[in-house]
Amino acid sequence: MNSKISKSGPVFSRIVAGCMNWGEWGANLSIDQARKLIEGCLDINVTTFDHADIYGHYTTETLFGNALKGNSSLREKMQLVSKCGIKLVTPNRPENGIKSYDTSKEYILNSVERSLNNLQTDYIDLLLIHRPSPLLHPEEVAEAFTKLKKDGKVLYFGVSNFTSSQFEMLNTFVPLETNQIEISPLHLEPFVNGTLDQCISKKVKPMGYSTLAGGKFFAKNPEDRVVRINKVVDRLAEKYSVTPDQILTSWILKHPSGILPIIGSTKITRIQSALDSLNTEVTDQEWFMIWEASIGEEVA
């Protein structure tokens, strides 16, 4: 199943493969393992891959690109998302003296050139500003986006981790197709702070990361809040004859904004499991059972 993320935006797979953990920050896949994972995702119609320049201390895009090298048919079957704007302190970027944000026109253009080279591609389907910088000049961002689109190097643009007012401000200067946000039963803020309301109003579908709360639901010694949620999730998993992660993903999928979950696993079975979540829909009351377990009391 695919999903058009906005009125004029790209069509993405309903489940997105998150690449943050593919390299040094996680599984440290070999080039061959990365290629097999890419092929496995494409085989089950998970065609959208989410990157950021900083992943793996600026190395994971290169890993992915090396896996694509010499096989243009793989690139033709997928959509690539990447993000820029964060400066990490790492030997790979000795010029970065402090972790900070940079959303200047020059920095965005240079970051995209590096990402294109690292990913072994001529274009990026969707580019996101990774974090909202207090020093963001919307005119500069708009100029960079306009040039990148004109040059055919980036097809669409969006943001990540922006508040609704920050999104509105930048969207005034340049059309944005999505807001990539953290969201899960342990991170409820987007449901109530206007972020998802705005996505519905603007007819843009949000992308959701850490939808399984970074594995906290499967920890050996979970916190009390997680225990409460898991009790409900386990009952629902038994009712629907599915796995707990599928209930958690179906909970995210149920929201009317059309959230696209980003699955950060490097195991194709986990990605397939998320895809199978599309076949399960919890009821409204069951959705609120998980909400109530999260907040520790009934809704007002």
C-alpha atoms as a PDB file:
ATOM      1  CA  MET A   1       0.000   0.000   0.000  1.00  0.00           C
ATOM      2  CA  ASN A   2       1.273   3.459  -0.934  1.00  0.00           C
ATOM      3  CA  SER A   3       0.296   6.916   0.242  1.00  0.00           C
ATOM      4  CA  LYS A   4       0.470  10.340  -1.374  1.00  0.00           C
ATOM      5  CA  ILE A   5       1.900  12.468   1.429  1.00  0.00           C
ATOM      6  CA  SER A   6       0.375  15.758   0.277  1.00  0.00           C
ATOM      7  CA  LYS A   7      -1.787  17.214  -2.462  1.00  0.00           C
ATOM      8  CA  SER A   8       1.203  17.902  -4.721  1.00  0.00           C
ATOM      9  CA  GLY A   9       3.817  15.745  -3.025  1.00  0.00           C
ATOM     10  CA  PRO A  10       5.362  12.334  -3.666  1.00  0.00           C
ATOM     11  CA  VAL A  11       3.836   8.890  -3.245  1.00  0.00           C
ATOM     12  CA  PHE A  12       5.571   6.946  -0.470  1.00  0.00           C
ATOM     13  CA  SER A  13       5.175   3.437   0.869  1.00  0.00           C
ATOM     14  CA  ARG A  14       2.775   3.352   3.827  1.00  0.00           C
ATOM     15  CA  ILE A  15       5.600   1.984   5.982  1.00  0.00           C
ATOM     16  CA  VAL A  16       8.984   3.722   5.700  1.00  0.00           C
ATOM     17  CA  ALA A  17      12.341   2.020   6.270  1.00  0.00           C
ATOM     18  CA  GLY A  18      14.434   4.098   8.660  1.00  0.00           C
ATOM     19  CA  CYS A  19      18.171   3.880   8.008  1.00  0.00           C
ATOM     20  CA  MET A  20      19.584   5.524  11.144  1.00  0.00           C
ATOM     21  CA  ASN A  21      20.638   2.185  12.663  1.00  0.00           C
ATOM     22  CA  TRP A  22      22.045   0.600   9.510  1.00  0.00           C
ATOM     23  CA  GLY A  23      25.604   1.814  10.045  1.00  0.00           C
ATOM     24  CA  GLU A  24      27.870   2.874  12.895  1.00  0.00           C
ATOM     25  CA  TRP A  25      24.959   3.873  15.140  1.00  0.00           C
ATOM     26  CA  GLY A  26      23.478   0.418  15.133  1.00  0.00           C
ATOM     27  CA  ALA A  27      23.859  -2.833  13.205  1.00  0.00           C
ATOM     28  CA  ASN A  28      27.005  -1.745  11.332  1.00  0.00           C
ATOM     29  CA  LEU A  29      25.871  -3.576   8.218  1.00  0.00           C
ATOM     30  CA  SER A  30      28.288  -4.537   5.512  1.00  0.00           C
ATOM     31  CA  ILE A  31      27.648  -3.265   1.984  1.00  0.00           C
ATOM     32  CA  ASP A  32      26.326  -6.684   1.001  1.00  0.00           C
ATOM     33  CA  GLN A  33      24.024  -6.843   4.038  1.00  0.00           C
ATOM     34  CA  ALA A  34      22.722  -3.358   3.274  1.00  0.00           C
ATOM     35  CA  ARG A  35      22.028  -4.358  -0.338  1.00  0.00           C
ATOM     36  CA  LYS A  36      20.137  -7.452   0.768  1.00  0.00           C
ATOM     37  CA  LEU A  37      18.083  -5.384   3.232  1.00  0.00           C
ATOM     38  CA  ILE A  38      17.258  -2.860   0.510  1.00  0.00           C
ATOM     39  CA  GLU A  39      16.190  -5.650  -1.821  1.00  0.00           C
ATOM     40  CA  GLY A  40      14.154  -7.263   0.955  1.00  0.00           C
ATOM     41  CA  CYS A  41      12.307  -4.026   1.620  1.00  0.00           C
ATOM     42  CA  LEU A  42      11.577  -3.496  -2.066  1.00  0.00           C
ATOM     43  CA  ASP A  43      10.335  -7.082  -2.384  1.00  0.00           C
ATOM     44  CA  ILE A  44       7.588  -6.357   0.185  1.00  0.00           C
ATOM     45  CA  ASN A  45       6.821  -2.922  -1.308  1.00  0.00           C
ATOM     46  CA  VAL A  46       8.519  -0.881   1.396  1.00  0.00           C
ATOM     47  CA  THR A  47      10.010   1.522  -1.116  1.00  0.00           C
ATOM     48  CA  THR A  48      10.729   4.652   0.944  1.00  0.00           C
ATOM     49  CA  PHE A  49      14.019   4.956   2.843  1.00  0.00           C
ATOM     50  CA  ASP A  50      14.613   7.626   5.470  1.00  0.00           C
ATOM     51  CA  HIS A  51      18.121   9.056   5.933  1.00  0.00           C
ATOM     52  CA  ALA A  52      19.854  12.045   7.469  1.00  0.00           C
ATOM     53  CA  ASP A  53      23.308  13.328   6.639  1.00  0.00           C
ATOM     54  CA  ILE A  54      24.429  12.932  10.266  1.00  0.00           C
ATOM     55  CA  TYR A  55      23.511   9.248  10.661  1.00  0.00           C
ATOM     56  CA  GLY A  56      26.514   7.140  11.588  1.00  0.00           C
ATOM     57  CA  HIS A  57      28.532  10.324  12.120  1.00  0.00           C
ATOM     58  CA  TYR A  58      27.990  11.220   8.453  1.00  0.00           C
ATOM     59  CA  THR A  59      28.749   7.716   7.144  1.00  0.00           C
ATOM     60  CA  THR A  60      25.439   5.845   6.754  1.00  0.00           C
ATOM     61  CA  GLU A  61      24.417   7.562   3.520  1.00  0.00           C
ATOM     62  CA  THR A  62      27.716   6.364   2.043  1.00  0.00           C
ATOM     63  CA  LEU A  63      27.006   2.801   3.160  1.00  0.00           C
ATOM     64  CA  PHE A  64      23.600   2.954   1.471  1.00  0.00           C
ATOM     65  CA  GLY A  65      25.050   4.527  -1.654  1.00  0.00           C
ATOM     66  CA  ASN A  66      27.710   1.854  -1.934  1.00  0.00           C
ATOM     67  CA  ALA A  67      24.955  -0.747  -1.717  1.00  0.00           C
ATOM     68  CA  LEU A  68      23.197   0.938  -4.658  1.00  0.00           C
ATOM     69  CA  LYS A  69      26.375   1.464  -6.678  1.00  0.00           C
ATOM     70  CA  GLY A  70      26.237  -0.129 -10.080  1.00  0.00           C
ATOM     71  CA  ASN A  71      22.568  -1.065  -9.784  1.00  0.00           C
ATOM     72  CA  SER A  72      20.433   1.774 -11.115  1.00  0.00           C
ATOM     73  CA  SER A  73      17.369  -0.469 -11.176  1.00  0.00           C
ATOM     74  CA  LEU A  74      17.263  -0.392  -7.353  1.00  0.00           C
ATOM     75  CA  ARG A  75      17.242   3.413  -7.284  1.00  0.00           C
ATOM     76  CA  GLU A  76      14.404   3.520  -9.793  1.00  0.00           C
ATOM     77  CA  LYS A  77      12.202   1.470  -7.460  1.00  0.00           C
ATOM     78  CA  MET A  78      12.626   3.616  -4.345  1.00  0.00           C
ATOM     79  CA  GLN A  79      12.119   7.041  -2.818  1.00  0.00           C
ATOM     80  CA  LEU A  80      14.947   8.585  -0.794  1.00  0.00           C
ATOM     81  CA  VAL A  81      14.372  10.982   2.079  1.00  0.00           C
ATOM     82  CA  SER A  82      17.232  12.818   3.741  1.00  0.00           C
ATOM     83  CA  LYS A  83      17.662  15.559   6.306  1.00  0.00           C
ATOM     84  CA  CYS A  84      20.217  18.288   6.912  1.00  0.00           C
ATOM     85  CA  GLY A  85      20.841  21.199   9.230  1.00  0.00           C
ATOM     86  CA  ILE A  86      22.498  19.599  12.280  1.00  0.00           C
ATOM     87  CA  LYS A  87      26.225  20.032  12.813  1.00  0.00           C
ATOM     88  CA  LEU A  88      27.702  17.193  14.860  1.00  0.00           C
ATOM     89  CA  VAL A  89      31.057  17.266  16.590  1.00  0.00           C
ATOM     90  CA  THR A  90      32.884  14.335  15.017  1.00  0.00           C
ATOM     91  CA  PRO A  91      36.257  13.635  13.403  1.00  0.00           C
ATOM     92  CA  ASN A  92      34.335  13.345  10.124  1.00  0.00           C
ATOM     93  CA  ARG A  93      33.536  17.070  10.355  1.00  0.00           C
ATOM     94  CA  PRO A  94      36.553  18.678  12.077  1.00  0.00           C
ATOM     95  CA  GLU A  95      35.197  22.148  11.252  1.00  0.00           C
ATOM     96  CA  ASN A  96      32.273  21.627  13.664  1.00  0.00           C
ATOM     97  CA  GLY A  97      33.456  22.985  17.022  1.00  0.00           C
ATOM     98  CA  ILE A  98      30.114  22.633  18.812  1.00  0.00           C
ATOM     99  CA  LYS A  99      26.894  20.769  18.149  1.00  0.00           C
ATOM    100  CA  SER A 100      24.662  23.340  16.535  1.00  0.00           C
ATOM    101  CA  TYR A 101      22.203  23.983  13.708  1.00  0.00           C
ATOM    102  CA  ASP A 102      22.855  25.603  10.359  1.00  0.00           C
ATOM    103  CA  THR A 103      20.005  26.307   7.942  1.00  0.00           C
ATOM    104  CA  SER A 104      21.786  28.871   5.777  1.00  0.00           C
ATOM    105  CA  LYS A 105      21.415  28.650   2.014  1.00  0.00           C
ATOM    106  CA  GLU A 106      25.075  27.773   1.553  1.00  0.00           C
ATOM    107  CA  TYR A 107      24.983  25.022   4.157  1.00  0.00           C
ATOM    108  CA  ILE A 108      21.824  23.422   2.746  1.00  0.00           C
ATOM    109  CA  LEU A 109      23.210  23.436  -0.797  1.00  0.00           C
ATOM    110  CA  ASN A 110      26.538  21.972   0.298  1.00  0.00           C
ATOM    111  CA  SER A 111      24.835  19.331   2.440  1.00  0.00           C
ATOM    112  CA  VAL A 112      22.685  18.193  -0.460  1.00  0.00           C
ATOM    113  CA  GLU A 113      25.711  17.911  -2.754  1.00  0.00           C
ATOM    114  CA  ARG A 114      27.385  15.686  -0.197  1.00  0.00           C
ATOM    115  CA  SER A 115      24.274  13.576   0.267  1.00  0.00           C
ATOM    116  CA  LEU A 116      23.841  13.114  -3.475  1.00  0.00           C
ATOM    117  CA  ASN A 117      27.443  11.984  -3.760  1.00  0.00           C
ATOM    118  CA  ASN A 118      27.192   9.698  -0.728  1.00  0.00           C
ATOM    119  CA  LEU A 119      23.905   8.136  -1.820  1.00  0.00           C
ATOM    120  CA  GLN A 120      25.169   7.615  -5.389  1.00  0.00           C
ATOM    121  CA  THR A 121      22.112   9.339  -6.827  1.00  0.00           C
ATOM    122  CA  ASP A 122      21.261  12.343  -8.986  1.00  0.00           C
ATOM    123  CA  TYR A 123      18.312  13.452  -6.876  1.00  0.00           C
ATOM    124  CA  ILE A 124      16.664  13.177  -3.468  1.00  0.00           C
ATOM    125  CA  ASP A 125      12.908  12.682  -3.437  1.00  0.00           C
ATOM    126  CA  LEU A 126      12.318  14.594  -0.198  1.00  0.00           C
ATOM    127  CA  LEU A 127      14.669  16.851   1.775  1.00  0.00           C
ATOM    128  CA  LEU A 128      13.853  17.849   5.345  1.00  0.00           C
ATOM    129  CA  ILE A 129      15.318  20.489   7.623  1.00  0.00           C
ATOM    130  CA  HIS A 130      16.271  18.227  10.523  1.00  0.00           C
ATOM    131  CA  ARG A 131      15.683  20.600  13.436  1.00  0.00           C
ATOM    132  CA  PRO A 132      14.215  24.108  13.713  1.00  0.00           C
ATOM    133  CA  SER A 133      17.103  26.471  14.320  1.00  0.00           C
ATOM    134  CA  PRO A 134      16.408  29.621  16.372  1.00  0.00           C
ATOM    135  CA  LEU A 135      18.515  31.401  13.730  1.00  0.00           C
ATOM    136  CA  LEU A 136      16.574  30.044  10.741  1.00  0.00           C
ATOM    137  CA  HIS A 137      16.051  32.657   8.011  1.00  0.00           C
ATOM    138  CA  PRO A 138      13.023  31.481   6.016  1.00  0.00           C
ATOM    139  CA  GLU A 139      14.025  33.483   2.930  1.00  0.00           C
ATOM    140  CA  GLU A 140      17.396  31.690   2.781  1.00  0.00           C
ATOM    141  CA  VAL A 141      15.810  28.277   3.203  1.00  0.00           C
ATOM    142  CA  ALA A 142      13.291  29.118   0.477  1.00  0.00           C
ATOM    143  CA  GLU A 143      16.074  30.257  -1.851  1.00  0.00           C
ATOM    144  CA  ALA A 144      17.998  27.025  -1.275  1.00  0.00           C
ATOM    145  CA  PHE A 145      14.906  24.879  -1.813  1.00  0.00           C
ATOM    146  CA  THR A 146      13.950  26.771  -4.963  1.00  0.00           C
ATOM    147  CA  LYS A 147      17.430  26.342  -6.472  1.00  0.00           C
ATOM    148  CA  LEU A 148      17.577  22.648  -5.590  1.00  0.00           C
ATOM    149  CA  LYS A 149      14.195  22.022  -7.166  1.00  0.00           C
ATOM    150  CA  LYS A 150      15.064  24.046 -10.282  1.00  0.00           C
ATOM    151  CA  ASP A 151      18.290  22.067 -10.669  1.00  0.00           C
ATOM    152  CA  GLY A 152      16.410  18.773 -10.262  1.00  0.00           C
ATOM    153  CA  LYS A 153      18.482  17.772  -7.243  1.00  0.00           C
ATOM    154  CA  VAL A 154      15.546  17.631  -4.792  1.00  0.00           C
ATOM    155  CA  LEU A 155      11.954  17.012  -5.812  1.00  0.00           C
ATOM    156  CA  TYR A 156      10.072  17.934  -2.615  1.00  0.00           C
ATOM    157  CA  PHE A 157      10.742  19.571   0.743  1.00  0.00           C
ATOM    158  CA  GLY A 158       9.593  19.370   4.329  1.00  0.00           C
ATOM    159  CA  VAL A 159      10.720  19.670   7.924  1.00  0.00           C
ATOM    160  CA  SER A 160      11.392  17.503  10.954  1.00  0.00           C
ATOM    161  CA  ASN A 161      10.669  18.230  14.621  1.00  0.00           C
ATOM    162  CA  PHE A 162       9.032  21.589  13.858  1.00  0.00           C
ATOM    163  CA  THR A 163       6.271  23.002  16.033  1.00  0.00           C
ATOM    164  CA  SER A 164       3.054  23.996  14.291  1.00  0.00           C
ATOM    165  CA  SER A 165       3.998  27.683  14.403  1.00  0.00           C
ATOM    166  CA  GLN A 166       7.485  26.992  13.013  1.00  0.00           C
ATOM    167  CA  PHE A 167       5.952  24.909  10.226  1.00  0.00           C
ATOM    168  CA  GLU A 168       3.454  27.670   9.448  1.00  0.00           C
ATOM    169  CA  MET A 169       6.186  30.300   9.333  1.00  0.00           C
ATOM    170  CA  LEU A 170       8.406  28.429   6.855  1.00  0.00           C
ATOM    171  CA  ASN A 171       5.440  27.175   4.819  1.00  0.00           C
ATOM    172  CA  THR A 172       4.582  30.816   4.157  1.00  0.00           C
ATOM    173  CA  PHE A 173       7.829  31.131   2.188  1.00  0.00           C
ATOM    174  CA  VAL A 174       8.075  27.694   0.546  1.00  0.00           C
ATOM    175  CA  PRO A 175       5.621  24.764   0.247  1.00  0.00           C
ATOM    176  CA  LEU A 176       6.266  21.989   2.766  1.00  0.00           C
ATOM    177  CA  GLU A 177       5.044  18.445   2.178  1.00  0.00           C
ATOM    178  CA  THR A 178       5.463  16.869   5.634  1.00  0.00           C
ATOM    179  CA  ASN A 179       6.624  17.246   9.220  1.00  0.00           C
ATOM    180  CA  GLN A 180       8.613  14.276  10.538  1.00  0.00           C
ATOM    181  CA  ILE A 181       7.962  13.946  14.260  1.00  0.00           C
ATOM    182  CA  GLU A 182       8.538  11.661  17.213  1.00  0.00           C
ATOM    183  CA  ILE A 183       5.283   9.968  18.178  1.00  0.00           C
ATOM    184  CA  SER A 184       4.267   6.904  20.182  1.00  0.00           C
ATOM    185  CA  PRO A 185       2.112   5.962  23.188  1.00  0.00           C
ATOM    186  CA  LEU A 186       5.031   7.276  25.258  1.00  0.00           C
ATOM    187  CA  HIS A 187       5.250  10.534  23.302  1.00  0.00           C
ATOM    188  CA  LEU A 188       1.743  11.940  23.076  1.00  0.00           C
ATOM    189  CA  GLU A 189       2.533  15.640  22.627  1.00  0.00           C
ATOM    190  CA  PRO A 190       1.864  15.805  18.850  1.00  0.00           C
ATOM    191  CA  PHE A 191      -1.686  14.600  19.456  1.00  0.00           C
ATOM    192  CA  VAL A 192      -2.495  17.596  21.650  1.00  0.00           C
ATOM    193  CA  ASN A 193      -0.102  20.432  20.759  1.00  0.00           C
ATOM    194  CA  GLY A 194      -1.511  21.213  17.338  1.00  0.00           C
ATOM    195  CA  THR A 195       1.106  19.407  15.246  1.00  0.00           C
ATOM    196  CA  LEU A 196      -1.203  16.716  13.886  1.00  0.00           C
ATOM    197  CA  ASP A 197      -4.126  19.141  13.698  1.00  0.00           C
ATOM    198  CA  GLN A 198      -2.055  21.289  11.371  1.00  0.00           C
ATOM    199  CA  CYS A 199      -1.129  18.312   9.195  1.00  0.00           C
ATOM    200  CA  ILE A 200      -4.810  17.536   8.720  1.00  0.00           C
ATOM    201  CA  SER A 201      -5.580  21.194   8.012  1.00  0.00           C
ATOM    202  CA  LYS A 202      -2.757  21.479   5.474  1.00  0.00           C
ATOM    203  CA  LYS A 203      -3.522  18.054   3.984  1.00  0.00           C
ATOM    204  CA  VAL A 204       0.039  16.860   4.543  1.00  0.00           C
ATOM    205  CA  LYS A 205       0.775  13.472   6.052  1.00  0.00           C
ATOM    206  CA  PRO A 206       3.269  13.439   8.944  1.00  0.00           C
ATOM    207  CA  MET A 207       6.092  10.935   9.126  1.00  0.00           C
ATOM    208  CA  GLY A 208       6.471   9.358  12.566  1.00  0.00           C
ATOM    209  CA  TYR A 209       9.740   8.166  14.087  1.00  0.00           C
ATOM    210  CA  SER A 210      10.344   6.215  17.317  1.00  0.00           C
ATOM    211  CA  THR A 211       6.803   4.878  17.005  1.00  0.00           C
ATOM    212  CA  LEU A 212       7.839   1.938  19.200  1.00  0.00           C
ATOM    213  CA  ALA A 213       9.608   4.326  21.595  1.00  0.00           C
ATOM    214  CA  GLY A 214      13.071   3.098  20.729  1.00  0.00           C
ATOM    215  CA  GLY A 215      12.349  -0.409  21.972  1.00  0.00           C
ATOM    216  CA  LYS A 216      11.172   0.648  25.451  1.00  0.00           C
ATOM    217  CA  PHE A 217       8.077  -1.531  25.116  1.00  0.00           C
ATOM    218  CA  PHE A 218      10.321  -4.595  24.853  1.00  0.00           C
ATOM    219  CA  ALA A 219      12.794  -3.743  27.622  1.00  0.00           C
ATOM    220  CA  LYS A 220      13.650  -6.397  30.221  1.00  0.00           C
ATOM    221  CA  ASN A 221      12.904  -4.031  33.094  1.00  0.00           C
ATOM    222  CA  PRO A 222      10.308  -1.588  31.758  1.00  0.00           C
ATOM    223  CA  GLU A 223       9.175   1.482  33.649  1.00  0.00           C
ATOM    224  CA  ASP A 224       5.723   1.514  35.258  1.00  0.00           C
ATOM    225  CA  ARG A 225       4.152   3.481  32.427  1.00  0.00           C
ATOM    226  CA  VAL A 226       5.350   0.935  29.897  1.00  0.00           C
ATOM    227  CA  VAL A 227       4.050  -1.919  32.050  1.00  0.00           C
ATOM    228  CA  ARG A 228       0.588  -0.331  32.074  1.00  0.00           C
ATOM    229  CA  ILE A 229       0.587   0.093  28.301  1.00  0.00           C
ATOM    230  CA  ASN A 230       1.925  -3.402  27.659  1.00  0.00           C
ATOM    231  CA  LYS A 231      -0.876  -4.976  29.693  1.00  0.00           C
ATOM    232  CA  VAL A 232      -3.421  -3.423  27.332  1.00  0.00           C
ATOM    233  CA  VAL A 233      -1.359  -4.114  24.231  1.00  0.00           C
ATOM    234  CA  ASP A 234      -0.883  -7.776  25.159  1.00  0.00           C
ATOM    235  CA  ARG A 235      -4.637  -8.250  25.639  1.00  0.00           C
ATOM    236  CA  LEU A 236      -5.338  -6.688  22.251  1.00  0.00           C
ATOM    237  CA  ALA A 237      -2.594  -8.721  20.585  1.00  0.00           C
ATOM    238  CA  GLU A 238      -4.226 -11.885  21.899  1.00  0.00           C
ATOM    239  CA  LYS A 239      -7.667 -10.711  20.760  1.00  0.00           C
ATOM    240  CA  TYR A 240      -6.513  -9.977  17.200  1.00  0.00           C
ATOM    241  CA  SER A 241      -3.985 -12.846  17.020  1.00  0.00           C
ATOM    242  CA  VAL A 242      -1.144 -10.478  16.183  1.00  0.00           C
ATOM    243  CA  THR A 243       2.087  -9.397  17.859  1.00  0.00           C
ATOM    244  CA  PRO A 244       2.356  -6.518  20.350  1.00  0.00           C
ATOM    245  CA  ASP A 245       4.412  -4.406  17.943  1.00  0.00           C
ATOM    246  CA  GLN A 246       1.612  -4.718  15.394  1.00  0.00           C
ATOM    247  CA  ILE A 247      -0.917  -3.392  17.895  1.00  0.00           C
ATOM    248  CA  LEU A 248       1.370  -0.464  18.687  1.00  0.00           C
ATOM    249  CA  THR A 249       1.843   0.297  14.996  1.00  0.00           C
ATOM    250  CA  SER A 250      -1.881  -0.024  14.258  1.00  0.00           C
ATOM    251  CA  TRP A 251      -2.464   2.478  17.085  1.00  0.00           C
ATOM    252  CA  ILE A 252      -0.273   4.975  15.203  1.00  0.00           C
ATOM    253  CA  LEU A 253      -1.876   4.153  11.849  1.00  0.00           C
ATOM    254  CA  LYS A 254      -5.393   4.796  13.164  1.00  0.00           C
ATOM    255  CA  HIS A 255      -4.920   8.550  13.544  1.00  0.00           C
ATOM    256  CA  PRO A 256      -6.821  10.521  10.852  1.00  0.00           C
ATOM    257  CA  SER A 257      -3.718  12.523   9.869  1.00  0.00           C
ATOM    258  CA  GLY A 258      -2.383   9.412   8.079  1.00  0.00           C
ATOM    259  CA  ILE A 259       0.934   9.090   9.923  1.00  0.00           C
ATOM    260  CA  LEU A 260       3.633   7.199   7.991  1.00  0.00           C
ATOM    261  CA  PRO A 261       5.546   5.128  10.582  1.00  0.00           C
ATOM    262  CA  ILE A 262       9.309   4.960  10.115  1.00  0.00           C
ATOM    263  CA  ILE A 263      10.552   1.510  11.154  1.00  0.00           C
ATOM    264  CA  GLY A 264      14.171   1.646  12.227  1.00  0.00           C
ATOM    265  CA  SER A 265      14.845  -2.097  12.415  1.00  0.00           C
ATOM    266  CA  THR A 266      17.466  -3.761  10.223  1.00  0.00           C
ATOM    267  CA  LYS A 267      15.575  -7.061  10.352  1.00  0.00           C
ATOM    268  CA  ILE A 268      13.241  -7.631   7.420  1.00  0.00           C
ATOM    269  CA  THR A 269      10.927  -9.673   9.663  1.00  0.00           C
ATOM    270  CA  ARG A 270      10.338  -6.598  11.837  1.00  0.00           C
ATOM    271  CA  ILE A 271       9.648  -4.433   8.813  1.00  0.00           C
ATOM    272  CA  GLN A 272       7.259  -7.067   7.447  1.00  0.00           C
ATOM    273  CA  SER A 273       5.534  -7.155  10.831  1.00  0.00           C
ATOM    274  CA  ALA A 274       4.967  -3.413  10.664  1.00  0.00           C
ATOM    275  CA  LEU A 275       3.579  -3.806   7.166  1.00  0.00           C
ATOM    276  CA  ASP A 276       1.193  -6.500   8.393  1.00  0.00           C
ATOM    277  CA  SER A 277      -0.124  -4.004  10.944  1.00  0.00           C
ATOM    278  CA  LEU A 278      -2.075  -2.459   8.093  1.00  0.00           C
ATOM    279  CA  ASN A 279      -4.393  -5.467   8.323  1.00  0.00           C
ATOM    280  CA  THR A 280      -5.387  -4.755  11.938  1.00  0.00           C
ATOM    281  CA  GLU A 281      -7.499  -1.833  13.074  1.00  0.00           C
ATOM    282  CA  VAL A 282      -8.176  -1.360  16.759  1.00  0.00           C
ATOM    283  CA  THR A 283     -11.511   0.146  17.724  1.00  0.00           C
ATOM    284  CA  ASP A 284     -11.842   3.705  19.012  1.00  0.00           C
ATOM    285  CA  GLN A 285     -12.350   2.414  22.557  1.00  0.00           C
ATOM    286  CA  GLU A 286      -9.296   0.173  22.302  1.00  0.00           C
ATOM    287  CA  TRP A 287      -7.267   3.140  21.054  1.00  0.00           C
ATOM    288  CA  PHE A 288      -8.294   5.090  24.149  1.00  0.00           C
ATOM    289  CA  MET A 289      -7.469   2.125  26.369  1.00  0.00           C
ATOM    290  CA  ILE A 290      -3.836   2.525  25.298  1.00  0.00           C
ATOM    291  CA  TRP A 291      -4.062   6.299  25.743  1.00  0.00           C
ATOM    292  CA  GLU A 292      -5.479   5.887  29.255  1.00  0.00           C
ATOM    293  CA  ALA A 293      -2.741   3.401  30.151  1.00  0.00           C
ATOM    294  CA  SER A 294      -0.158   5.931  28.984  1.00  0.00           C
ATOM    295  CA  ILE A 295      -1.439   8.895  30.974  1.00  0.00           C
ATOM    296  CA  GLY A 296      -2.382   6.764  33.991  1.00  0.00           C
ATOM    297  CA  GLU A 297      -5.944   8.035  34.255  1.00  0.00           C
ATOM    298  CA  GLU A 298      -9.114   8.320  32.233  1.00  0.00           C
ATOM    299  CA  VAL A 299      -9.494  11.174  29.791  1.00  0.00           C
ATOM    300  CA  ALA A 300     -11.038  14.365  31.153  1.00  0.00           C
END
